[in-house]
Protein backbone atom coordinates (compact mmCIF):
# COMPACT_ATOMS: atom_id res chain seq x y z
CA UNK A 1 -70.19 138.79 -40.45
CA UNK A 2 -73.22 140.45 -38.85
CA UNK A 3 -76.02 140.99 -41.71
CA UNK A 4 -78.70 143.50 -41.54
CA UNK A 5 -81.39 144.30 -44.36
CA UNK A 6 -80.62 146.90 -45.23
CA UNK A 7 -84.63 147.97 -46.76
CA UNK A 8 -83.33 148.60 -50.09
CA UNK A 9 -85.13 146.14 -52.96
CA UNK A 10 -84.00 143.43 -54.38
CA UNK A 11 -83.62 145.47 -57.87
CA UNK A 12 -81.95 148.30 -56.33
CA UNK A 13 -79.03 146.01 -54.27
CA UNK A 14 -78.10 143.61 -57.82
CA UNK A 15 -77.12 147.52 -59.60
CA UNK A 16 -75.51 149.60 -56.26
CA UNK A 17 -71.82 149.30 -56.77
CA UNK A 18 -68.89 150.71 -54.66
CA UNK A 19 -68.51 154.68 -56.63
CA UNK A 20 -64.51 154.46 -55.86
CA UNK A 21 -64.03 151.47 -56.90
CA UNK A 22 -66.89 150.09 -58.66
CA UNK A 23 -67.14 146.38 -56.91
CA UNK A 24 -70.07 144.79 -55.86
CA UNK A 25 -71.83 145.89 -52.23
CA UNK A 26 -72.71 143.80 -49.73
CA UNK A 27 -75.53 144.19 -46.71
CA UNK A 28 -73.61 144.59 -43.22
CA UNK A 29 -73.56 146.09 -39.84
CA UNK A 30 -71.52 148.97 -38.71
CA UNK A 31 -70.40 149.07 -35.33
CA UNK A 32 -72.57 150.97 -33.97
CA UNK A 33 -74.80 148.46 -35.22
CA UNK A 34 -76.31 150.16 -38.08
CA UNK A 35 -76.56 149.40 -41.53
CA UNK A 36 -74.10 149.49 -43.79
CA UNK A 37 -72.99 148.16 -47.72
CA UNK A 38 -69.71 147.20 -48.02
CA UNK A 39 -67.64 146.75 -51.13
CA UNK A 40 -66.78 143.45 -51.71
CA UNK A 41 -63.36 144.77 -53.16
CA UNK A 42 -59.91 143.17 -51.44
CA UNK A 43 -57.46 146.17 -51.96
CA UNK A 44 -59.76 148.66 -50.72
CA UNK A 45 -63.06 147.26 -48.34
CA UNK A 46 -65.03 150.57 -47.19
CA UNK A 47 -68.72 150.47 -46.10
CA UNK A 48 -70.95 153.45 -46.81
CA UNK A 49 -73.57 154.08 -44.24
CA UNK A 50 -77.43 153.53 -45.15
CA UNK A 51 -80.01 156.00 -43.16
CA UNK A 52 -83.45 155.69 -42.79
CA UNK A 53 -83.20 153.64 -45.79
CA UNK A 54 -81.04 155.42 -48.20
CA UNK A 55 -77.57 154.35 -49.40
CA UNK A 56 -75.20 157.40 -48.55
CA UNK A 57 -72.71 156.33 -51.39
CA UNK A 58 -70.07 159.33 -50.94
CA UNK A 59 -66.37 158.17 -50.50
CA UNK A 60 -66.11 161.26 -47.68
CA UNK A 61 -68.94 159.18 -45.81
CA UNK A 62 -67.23 155.65 -46.06
CA UNK A 63 -64.86 154.08 -43.56
CA UNK A 64 -62.65 150.82 -43.65
CA UNK A 65 -64.46 147.93 -42.07
């Protein structure tokens, strides 16, 4: 998986969790080449966009990677 820096401070990244599953989020790159955060839950993988350095952790904004 390609990864791209989301621009988030490490301490912020360490506490962020998927709002749907509670799983850890990891840095990734979406199909459009933009940074995103992906849930590590194997049963319900979700990807959340990062817009202007701000993670959009809304279920309505999530997509399946």
